C-alpha atoms as a PDB file:
ATOM      1  CA  MET A   1     133.660 126.759  74.409  1.00  0.00           C
ATOM      2  CA  SER A   2     132.405 124.006  76.803  1.00  0.00           C
ATOM      3  CA  LEU A   3     129.397 121.789  75.825  1.00  0.00           C
ATOM      4  CA  ARG A   4     126.790 121.323  78.407  1.00  0.00           C
ATOM      5  CA  LEU A   5     125.610 117.731  78.339  1.00  0.00           C
ATOM      6  CA  PRO A   6     122.073 116.741  79.156  1.00  0.00           C
ATOM      7  CA  ARG A   7     121.715 115.713  82.805  1.00  0.00           C
ATOM      8  CA  GLU A   8     120.910 112.194  83.441  1.00  0.00           C
ATOM      9  CA  ILE A   9     117.906 111.577  85.666  1.00  0.00           C
ATOM     10  CA  GLY A  10     117.809 108.273  87.511  1.00  0.00           C
ATOM     11  CA  ARG A  11     114.850 106.464  88.818  1.00  0.00           C
ATOM     12  CA  VAL A  12     114.014 109.421  91.063  1.00  0.00           C
ATOM     13  CA  ASN A  13     114.174 112.985  89.756  1.00  0.00           C
ATOM     14  CA  TRP A  14     115.826 114.270  93.192  1.00  0.00           C
ATOM     15  CA  LEU A  15     116.555 117.675  91.757  1.00  0.00           C
ATOM     16  CA  GLY A  16     112.993 118.097  90.302  1.00  0.00           C
ATOM     17  CA  LEU A  17     111.368 116.739  93.422  1.00  0.00           C
ATOM     18  CA  GLN A  18     113.487 119.076  95.659  1.00  0.00           C
ATOM     19  CA  THR A  19     112.516 122.082  93.560  1.00  0.00           C
ATOM     20  CA  HIS A  20     108.918 121.098  93.612  1.00  0.00           C
ATOM     21  CA  ILE A  21     108.824 120.599  97.411  1.00  0.00           C
ATOM     22  CA  GLY A  22     110.706 123.947  97.760  1.00  0.00           C
ATOM     23  CA  LYS A  23     108.273 125.795  95.562  1.00  0.00           C
ATOM     24  CA  GLU A  24     105.306 124.627  97.617  1.00  0.00           C
ATOM     25  CA  ILE A  25     106.846 125.580 100.868  1.00  0.00           C
ATOM     26  CA  HIS A  26     108.152 128.900  99.726  1.00  0.00           C
ATOM     27  CA  ARG A  27     104.562 129.650  98.358  1.00  0.00           C
ATOM     28  CA  PHE A  28     103.090 129.575 101.853  1.00  0.00           C
ATOM     29  CA  PHE A  29     105.948 131.230 103.498  1.00  0.00           C
ATOM     30  CA  LYS A  30     105.557 134.192 101.152  1.00  0.00           C
ATOM     31  CA  VAL A  31     102.205 134.933 102.995  1.00  0.00           C
ATOM     32  CA  GLY A  32     103.202 133.732 106.390  1.00  0.00           C
ATOM     33  CA  LEU A  33     100.809 136.176 108.151  1.00  0.00           C
ATOM     34  CA  GLN A  34      97.934 134.440 106.385  1.00  0.00           C
ATOM     35  CA  THR A  35      99.187 130.811 106.537  1.00  0.00           C
ATOM     36  CA  LEU A  36     100.865 130.599 109.908  1.00  0.00           C
ATOM     37  CA  ILE A  37      99.912 133.447 112.276  1.00  0.00           C
ATOM     38  CA  ALA A  38      96.303 133.705 111.297  1.00  0.00           C
ATOM     39  CA  PRO A  39      95.628 129.994 112.314  1.00  0.00           C
ATOM     40  CA  MET A  40      97.250 130.513 115.418  1.00  0.00           C
ATOM     41  CA  VAL A  41      95.014 133.578 116.329  1.00  0.00           C
ATOM     42  CA  THR A  42      92.069 131.609 115.278  1.00  0.00           C
ATOM     43  CA  SER A  43      92.886 128.758 117.408  1.00  0.00           C
ATOM     44  CA  LEU A  44      93.424 130.914 120.613  1.00  0.00           C
ATOM     45  CA  MET A  45      90.020 132.525 119.862  1.00  0.00           C
ATOM     46  CA  PHE A  46      88.466 128.970 119.849  1.00  0.00           C
ATOM     47  CA  LEU A  47      90.367 128.236 123.107  1.00  0.00           C
ATOM     48  CA  ALA A  48      89.085 131.406 124.758  1.00  0.00           C
ATOM     49  CA  ILE A  49      85.421 131.165 123.655  1.00  0.00           C
ATOM     50  CA  PHE A  50      84.851 127.428 124.470  1.00  0.00           C
ATOM     51  CA  SER A  51      86.795 127.727 127.832  1.00  0.00           C
ATOM     52  CA  LEU A  52      84.651 130.509 128.793  1.00  0.00           C
ATOM     53  CA  ALA A  53      81.485 129.027 127.590  1.00  0.00           C
ATOM     54  CA  LEU A  54      81.964 125.413 128.731  1.00  0.00           C
ATOM     55  CA  GLY A  55      84.549 125.824 131.332  1.00  0.00           C
ATOM     56  CA  ARG A  56      82.235 126.137 134.238  1.00  0.00           C
ATOM     57  CA  ALA A  57      79.757 123.492 133.113  1.00  0.00           C
ATOM     58  CA  VAL A  58      82.421 120.905 132.076  1.00  0.00           C
ATOM     59  CA  GLN A  59      85.437 121.175 134.469  1.00  0.00           C
ATOM     60  CA  VAL A  60      87.027 117.699 133.973  1.00  0.00           C
ATOM     61  CA  ILE A  61      87.060 115.284 130.960  1.00  0.00           C
ATOM     62  CA  GLY A  62      88.978 112.038 131.101  1.00  0.00           C
ATOM     63  CA  GLY A  63      90.467 113.059 134.423  1.00  0.00           C
ATOM     64  CA  VAL A  64      92.172 116.342 133.132  1.00  0.00           C
ATOM     65  CA  PRO A  65      90.957 119.889 133.245  1.00  0.00           C
ATOM     66  CA  PHE A  66      88.757 120.794 130.261  1.00  0.00           C
ATOM     67  CA  VAL A  67      91.124 123.343 128.906  1.00  0.00           C
ATOM     68  CA  GLU A  68      93.834 120.736 128.799  1.00  0.00           C
ATOM     69  CA  PHE A  69      91.484 118.292 127.084  1.00  0.00           C
ATOM     70  CA  LEU A  70      90.426 120.967 124.481  1.00  0.00           C
ATOM     71  CA  ALA A  71      93.899 122.398 123.541  1.00  0.00           C
ATOM     72  CA  PRO A  72      95.264 119.308 121.586  1.00  0.00           C
ATOM     73  CA  GLY A  73      92.029 118.904 119.684  1.00  0.00           C
ATOM     74  CA  LEU A  74      92.328 122.591 118.549  1.00  0.00           C
ATOM     75  CA  ILE A  75      95.755 122.127 117.419  1.00  0.00           C
ATOM     76  CA  MET A  76      94.837 119.159 115.394  1.00  0.00           C
ATOM     77  CA  MET A  77      91.854 121.012 113.875  1.00  0.00           C
ATOM     78  CA  ALA A  78      94.375 123.578 112.718  1.00  0.00           C
ATOM     79  CA  VAL A  79      96.545 120.953 111.119  1.00  0.00           C
ATOM     80  CA  ILE A  80      93.434 119.426 109.241  1.00  0.00           C
ATOM     81  CA  GLN A  81      92.260 122.701 107.933  1.00  0.00           C
ATOM     82  CA  ASN A  82      95.710 124.171 106.780  1.00  0.00           C
ATOM     83  CA  ALA A  83      97.178 121.043 105.247  1.00  0.00           C
ATOM     84  CA  TYR A  84      93.868 120.704 103.300  1.00  0.00           C
ATOM     85  CA  ASN A  85      93.677 124.444 102.318  1.00  0.00           C
ATOM     86  CA  ASN A  86      97.262 124.593 101.215  1.00  0.00           C
ATOM     87  CA  THR A  87      97.259 121.845  98.738  1.00  0.00           C
ATOM     88  CA  VAL A  88      93.790 122.543  97.272  1.00  0.00           C
ATOM     89  CA  SER A  89      94.426 126.341  96.902  1.00  0.00           C
ATOM     90  CA  SER A  90      97.874 125.514  95.144  1.00  0.00           C
ATOM     91  CA  VAL A  91      96.364 123.208  92.595  1.00  0.00           C
ATOM     92  CA  MET A  92      93.209 125.335  92.069  1.00  0.00           C
ATOM     93  CA  VAL A  93      95.246 128.548  91.567  1.00  0.00           C
ATOM     94  CA  SER A  94      97.522 126.909  89.071  1.00  0.00           C
ATOM     95  CA  LYS A  95      94.634 125.355  87.098  1.00  0.00           C
ATOM     96  CA  ILE A  96      92.749 128.631  86.910  1.00  0.00           C
ATOM     97  CA  GLN A  97      95.730 130.708  86.083  1.00  0.00           C
ATOM     98  CA  GLY A  98      96.992 128.203  83.539  1.00  0.00           C
ATOM     99  CA  ASN A  99     100.490 127.682  85.101  1.00  0.00           C
ATOM    100  CA  ILE A 100      99.747 124.111  86.119  1.00  0.00           C
ATOM    101  CA  VAL A 101     101.643 123.257  82.934  1.00  0.00           C
ATOM    102  CA  ASP A 102     104.853 124.581  84.545  1.00  0.00           C
ATOM    103  CA  VAL A 103     104.554 121.440  86.964  1.00  0.00           C
ATOM    104  CA  LEU A 104     103.347 118.978  84.214  1.00  0.00           C
ATOM    105  CA  MET A 105     106.031 119.722  81.821  1.00  0.00           C
ATOM    106  CA  PRO A 106     109.261 118.875  83.855  1.00  0.00           C
ATOM    107  CA  PRO A 107     110.404 115.288  83.891  1.00  0.00           C
ATOM    108  CA  LEU A 108     108.520 114.534  87.057  1.00  0.00           C
ATOM    109  CA  SER A 109     106.797 111.129  87.475  1.00  0.00           C
ATOM    110  CA  PRO A 110     103.122 111.016  88.845  1.00  0.00           C
ATOM    111  CA  ALA A 111     104.551 109.915  92.206  1.00  0.00           C
ATOM    112  CA  GLU A 112     106.925 112.794  92.444  1.00  0.00           C
ATOM    113  CA  PHE A 113     104.089 115.197  91.224  1.00  0.00           C
ATOM    114  CA  VAL A 114     101.838 113.965  94.078  1.00  0.00           C
ATOM    115  CA  LEU A 115     104.629 113.927  96.531  1.00  0.00           C
ATOM    116  CA  GLY A 116     105.723 117.428  95.902  1.00  0.00           C
ATOM    117  CA  PHE A 117     102.191 118.977  96.651  1.00  0.00           C
ATOM    118  CA  VAL A 118     101.509 116.717  99.429  1.00  0.00           C
ATOM    119  CA  ALA A 119     104.770 117.531 101.220  1.00  0.00           C
ATOM    120  CA  GLY A 120     104.214 121.216 100.816  1.00  0.00           C
ATOM    121  CA  GLY A 121     100.714 120.767 102.492  1.00  0.00           C
ATOM    122  CA  ALA A 122     102.088 118.452 105.249  1.00  0.00           C
ATOM    123  CA  VAL A 123     104.848 120.750 106.161  1.00  0.00           C
ATOM    124  CA  ARG A 124     102.468 123.707 106.571  1.00  0.00           C
ATOM    125  CA  GLY A 125     100.160 121.464 108.647  1.00  0.00           C
ATOM    126  CA  VAL A 126     103.067 120.460 110.990  1.00  0.00           C
ATOM    127  CA  LEU A 127     104.325 124.152 111.110  1.00  0.00           C
ATOM    128  CA  VAL A 128     100.918 125.325 112.100  1.00  0.00           C
ATOM    129  CA  ALA A 129     100.719 122.712 114.825  1.00  0.00           C
ATOM    130  CA  VAL A 130     104.040 123.918 116.290  1.00  0.00           C
ATOM    131  CA  CYS A 131     103.006 127.605 116.185  1.00  0.00           C
ATOM    132  CA  VAL A 132      99.499 127.002 117.718  1.00  0.00           C
ATOM    133  CA  GLY A 133     100.984 124.705 120.331  1.00  0.00           C
ATOM    134  CA  VAL A 134     103.689 127.141 121.345  1.00  0.00           C
ATOM    135  CA  ALA A 135     101.046 129.927 121.530  1.00  0.00           C
ATOM    136  CA  MET A 136      98.677 127.697 123.604  1.00  0.00           C
ATOM    137  CA  TRP A 137     101.486 126.777 125.895  1.00  0.00           C
ATOM    138  CA  MET A 138     101.557 130.238 127.060  1.00  0.00           C
ATOM    139  CA  PHE A 139      98.079 130.205 128.462  1.00  0.00           C
ATOM    140  CA  VAL A 140      97.491 126.354 129.053  1.00  0.00           C
ATOM    141  CA  PRO A 141      99.593 124.035 131.254  1.00  0.00           C
ATOM    142  CA  MET A 142     100.239 121.741 128.378  1.00  0.00           C
ATOM    143  CA  ARG A 143     102.319 118.579 128.816  1.00  0.00           C
ATOM    144  CA  ILE A 144     103.483 115.931 126.521  1.00  0.00           C
ATOM    145  CA  HIS A 145     102.707 112.345 127.585  1.00  0.00           C
ATOM    146  CA  ASP A 146     104.053 110.501 124.556  1.00  0.00           C
ATOM    147  CA  PRO A 147     105.905 112.655 121.920  1.00  0.00           C
ATOM    148  CA  ILE A 148     105.927 109.754 119.356  1.00  0.00           C
ATOM    149  CA  PHE A 149     102.153 109.707 119.220  1.00  0.00           C
ATOM    150  CA  VAL A 150     102.236 113.482 118.795  1.00  0.00           C
ATOM    151  CA  ILE A 151     104.451 113.318 115.920  1.00  0.00           C
ATOM    152  CA  ILE A 152     103.014 110.264 114.189  1.00  0.00           C
ATOM    153  CA  TYR A 153      99.393 111.586 114.206  1.00  0.00           C
ATOM    154  CA  ALA A 154     100.490 115.089 113.183  1.00  0.00           C
ATOM    155  CA  VAL A 155     102.260 113.587 110.259  1.00  0.00           C
ATOM    156  CA  LEU A 156      99.540 111.058 109.288  1.00  0.00           C
ATOM    157  CA  ALA A 157      96.793 113.838 109.555  1.00  0.00           C
ATOM    158  CA  ALA A 158      98.690 116.523 107.593  1.00  0.00           C
ATOM    159  CA  GLY A 159      99.561 113.999 104.910  1.00  0.00           C
ATOM    160  CA  LEU A 160      95.978 112.649 104.512  1.00  0.00           C
ATOM    161  CA  LEU A 161      94.302 116.049 104.564  1.00  0.00           C
ATOM    162  CA  SER A 162      96.996 117.238 102.016  1.00  0.00           C
ATOM    163  CA  MET A 163      96.279 114.375  99.613  1.00  0.00           C
ATOM    164  CA  ILE A 164      92.555 114.997  99.991  1.00  0.00           C
ATOM    165  CA  GLY A 165      93.226 118.699  99.178  1.00  0.00           C
ATOM    166  CA  LEU A 166      95.115 117.416  96.105  1.00  0.00           C
ATOM    167  CA  VAL A 167      92.157 115.138  94.985  1.00  0.00           C
ATOM    168  CA  THR A 168      89.700 118.151  95.430  1.00  0.00           C
ATOM    169  CA  GLY A 169      92.117 120.479  93.488  1.00  0.00           C
ATOM    170  CA  ILE A 170      92.315 118.123  90.618  1.00  0.00           C
ATOM    171  CA  TRP A 171      88.479 117.403  90.651  1.00  0.00           C
ATOM    172  CA  ALA A 172      87.200 120.891  91.181  1.00  0.00           C
ATOM    173  CA  GLU A 173      86.655 123.191  88.223  1.00  0.00           C
ATOM    174  CA  LYS A 174      86.070 126.389  90.093  1.00  0.00           C
ATOM    175  CA  PHE A 175      86.231 127.650  93.715  1.00  0.00           C
ATOM    176  CA  ASP A 176      82.674 126.812  94.405  1.00  0.00           C
ATOM    177  CA  HIS A 177      83.493 123.152  94.160  1.00  0.00           C
ATOM    178  CA  GLN A 178      86.483 123.613  96.549  1.00  0.00           C
ATOM    179  CA  ALA A 179      84.270 125.489  98.927  1.00  0.00           C
ATOM    180  CA  ALA A 180      81.611 122.861  98.863  1.00  0.00           C
ATOM    181  CA  ILE A 181      83.952 120.234  99.912  1.00  0.00           C
ATOM    182  CA  SER A 182      85.341 122.353 102.699  1.00  0.00           C
ATOM    183  CA  ASN A 183      82.017 123.573 104.056  1.00  0.00           C
ATOM    184  CA  PHE A 184      79.988 120.436 103.911  1.00  0.00           C
ATOM    185  CA  ILE A 185      82.669 117.644 104.474  1.00  0.00           C
ATOM    186  CA  ILE A 186      85.988 118.947 105.991  1.00  0.00           C
ATOM    187  CA  THR A 187      84.473 121.513 108.566  1.00  0.00           C
ATOM    188  CA  PRO A 188      81.504 119.313 109.752  1.00  0.00           C
ATOM    189  CA  LEU A 189      83.787 116.320 110.314  1.00  0.00           C
ATOM    190  CA  SER A 190      86.327 118.439 112.118  1.00  0.00           C
ATOM    191  CA  PHE A 191      83.587 119.794 114.492  1.00  0.00           C
ATOM    192  CA  LEU A 192      82.076 116.249 114.996  1.00  0.00           C
ATOM    193  CA  SER A 193      85.420 114.528 115.750  1.00  0.00           C
ATOM    194  CA  GLY A 194      85.396 114.787 119.708  1.00  0.00           C
ATOM    195  CA  THR A 195      87.404 117.995 119.757  1.00  0.00           C
ATOM    196  CA  PHE A 196      85.079 119.679 122.230  1.00  0.00           C
ATOM    197  CA  TYR A 197      83.793 116.547 123.980  1.00  0.00           C
ATOM    198  CA  SER A 198      84.548 113.004 124.798  1.00  0.00           C
ATOM    199  CA  ILE A 199      82.492 110.425 122.761  1.00  0.00           C
ATOM    200  CA  GLU A 200      81.782 108.594 125.911  1.00  0.00           C
ATOM    201  CA  ARG A 201      79.215 111.235 126.431  1.00  0.00           C
ATOM    202  CA  LEU A 202      77.435 110.606 123.023  1.00  0.00           C
ATOM    203  CA  PRO A 203      74.189 108.376 123.083  1.00  0.00           C
ATOM    204  CA  ALA A 204      73.804 105.652 120.730  1.00  0.00           C
ATOM    205  CA  PRO A 205      73.862 105.504 117.628  1.00  0.00           C
ATOM    206  CA  TRP A 206      75.963 108.729 117.726  1.00  0.00           C
ATOM    207  CA  ASP A 207      78.839 107.268 119.329  1.00  0.00           C
ATOM    208  CA  GLY A 208      79.103 104.537 116.808  1.00  0.00           C
ATOM    209  CA  LEU A 209      79.027 106.997 113.959  1.00  0.00           C
ATOM    210  CA  ALA A 210      81.784 108.910 115.628  1.00  0.00           C
ATOM    211  CA  MET A 211      83.891 105.884 115.317  1.00  0.00           C
ATOM    212  CA  VAL A 212      83.657 105.926 111.558  1.00  0.00           C
ATOM    213  CA  ASN A 213      84.899 109.557 111.338  1.00  0.00           C
ATOM    214  CA  PRO A 214      88.725 109.597 110.492  1.00  0.00           C
ATOM    215  CA  PHE A 215      89.076 112.938 111.990  1.00  0.00           C
ATOM    216  CA  PHE A 216      88.068 111.472 115.488  1.00  0.00           C
ATOM    217  CA  TYR A 217      90.984 109.102 115.244  1.00  0.00           C
ATOM    218  CA  MET A 218      93.359 111.944 114.391  1.00  0.00           C
ATOM    219  CA  ILE A 219      92.435 114.022 117.327  1.00  0.00           C
ATOM    220  CA  ASP A 220      92.022 110.942 119.685  1.00  0.00           C
ATOM    221  CA  GLY A 221      95.536 109.838 119.008  1.00  0.00           C
ATOM    222  CA  PHE A 222      97.027 113.244 119.059  1.00  0.00           C
ATOM    223  CA  ARG A 223      95.270 114.161 122.361  1.00  0.00           C
ATOM    224  CA  TYR A 224      96.715 110.981 123.851  1.00  0.00           C
ATOM    225  CA  GLY A 225     100.160 112.080 123.043  1.00  0.00           C
ATOM    226  CA  PHE A 226      99.580 115.139 125.158  1.00  0.00           C
ATOM    227  CA  ILE A 227      97.329 114.130 128.051  1.00  0.00           C
ATOM    228  CA  GLY A 228      97.334 110.256 128.114  1.00  0.00           C
ATOM    229  CA  HIS A 229      93.651 109.916 127.478  1.00  0.00           C
ATOM    230  CA  HIS A 230      92.124 108.211 124.523  1.00  0.00           C
ATOM    231  CA  ASP A 231      88.542 107.124 123.716  1.00  0.00           C
ATOM    232  CA  ALA A 232      89.188 104.604 121.115  1.00  0.00           C
ATOM    233  CA  PRO A 233      92.011 101.646 120.918  1.00  0.00           C
ATOM    234  CA  LEU A 234      95.053 103.392 119.752  1.00  0.00           C
ATOM    235  CA  TYR A 235      96.140 100.578 117.390  1.00  0.00           C
ATOM    236  CA  ILE A 236      92.759 100.765 115.435  1.00  0.00           C
ATOM    237  CA  GLY A 237      93.231 104.491 114.904  1.00  0.00           C
ATOM    238  CA  LEU A 238      96.781 103.963 113.494  1.00  0.00           C
ATOM    239  CA  LEU A 239      95.691 101.237 111.230  1.00  0.00           C
ATOM    240  CA  TYR A 240      92.627 103.278 110.128  1.00  0.00           C
ATOM    241  CA  LEU A 241      94.660 106.252 109.286  1.00  0.00           C
ATOM    242  CA  LEU A 242      97.394 104.402 107.735  1.00  0.00           C
ATOM    243  CA  GLY A 243      94.967 102.512 105.470  1.00  0.00           C
ATOM    244  CA  LEU A 244      93.347 105.791 104.506  1.00  0.00           C
ATOM    245  CA  ASN A 245      96.633 107.318 103.587  1.00  0.00           C
ATOM    246  CA  ILE A 246      97.536 104.415 101.440  1.00  0.00           C
ATOM    247  CA  LEU A 247      94.091 104.460  99.657  1.00  0.00           C
ATOM    248  CA  VAL A 248      94.167 108.382  99.063  1.00  0.00           C
ATOM    249  CA  TRP A 249      97.728 108.183  97.866  1.00  0.00           C
ATOM    250  CA  ALA A 250      96.691 105.576  95.341  1.00  0.00           C
ATOM    251  CA  LEU A 251      93.744 107.542  94.179  1.00  0.00           C
ATOM    252  CA  CYS A 252      96.128 110.688  93.833  1.00  0.00           C
ATOM    253  CA  TYR A 253      98.682 108.789  91.790  1.00  0.00           C
ATOM    254  CA  ARG A 254      95.889 107.301  89.545  1.00  0.00           C
ATOM    255  CA  LEU A 255      94.384 110.709  88.686  1.00  0.00           C
ATOM    256  CA  VAL A 256      97.605 112.197  88.026  1.00  0.00           C
ATOM    257  CA  ALA A 257      98.754 109.255  85.849  1.00  0.00           C
ATOM    258  CA  ARG A 258      95.678 109.516  83.802  1.00  0.00           C
ATOM    259  CA  GLY A 259      95.950 113.365  83.575  1.00  0.00           C
ATOM    260  CA  TYR A 260      92.489 113.612  84.933  1.00  0.00           C
ATOM    261  CA  LYS A 261      91.346 117.503  84.669  1.00  0.00           C
ATOM    262  CA  LEU A 262      94.955 118.232  84.289  1.00  0.00           C
ATOM    263  CA  LYS A 263      95.821 117.601  80.718  1.00  0.00           C
ATOM    264  CA  THR A 264      93.626 118.920  77.989  1.00  0.00           C
END
């Protein structure tokens, strides 16, 4: 009879981290119609509605047709909404159902705990971007000006919103709290980010306030990757988003390390 010895875990629990990330990805793939196909349909509806409503009044922005200006912003809005929703719903459902203990009990460090949830949300956000982009390509003559910027901004945005979803999921005690953050913070900032217009058209002080909105930099840099047009210096947007990612990661790590509203 062979004796199974305890498995040694190094500085990083690679098997546990892989399982954690795989669980989060498998979770949204199980309901792919809701998590991948529905955002694609919603984005196409936004494209059709705003193209018909504003297409004649605003034909060109930044030297490109309005519909080509609009499409990248709608893709990024889908990334923002879905990366956030994936992580916050995963944590909230686990807390309410009581199975969050299944993630807390394994030998995962706080960093591995955070990374597993964040990676799951970020993967969903990037996959949604691909699905929405392919669907829009069938109707809009989309081109890619700089693929590096497209990838960098998609990853930064998906990661940041996934971490914000994790913070919200840890803090919220019921779905009303989650809905409040989504309805009063995430959605308004998304619509006020320059998705449907260039901030050059905004009067003072609204143009200055738009420069504080992190969602503006996500969409501005992502749009530059497609059409080569940007409203703000690209290096400022990159530094701003990198700084926010680091700060929110530190907050996530701190909350998990303390067991804030996770361990009772």
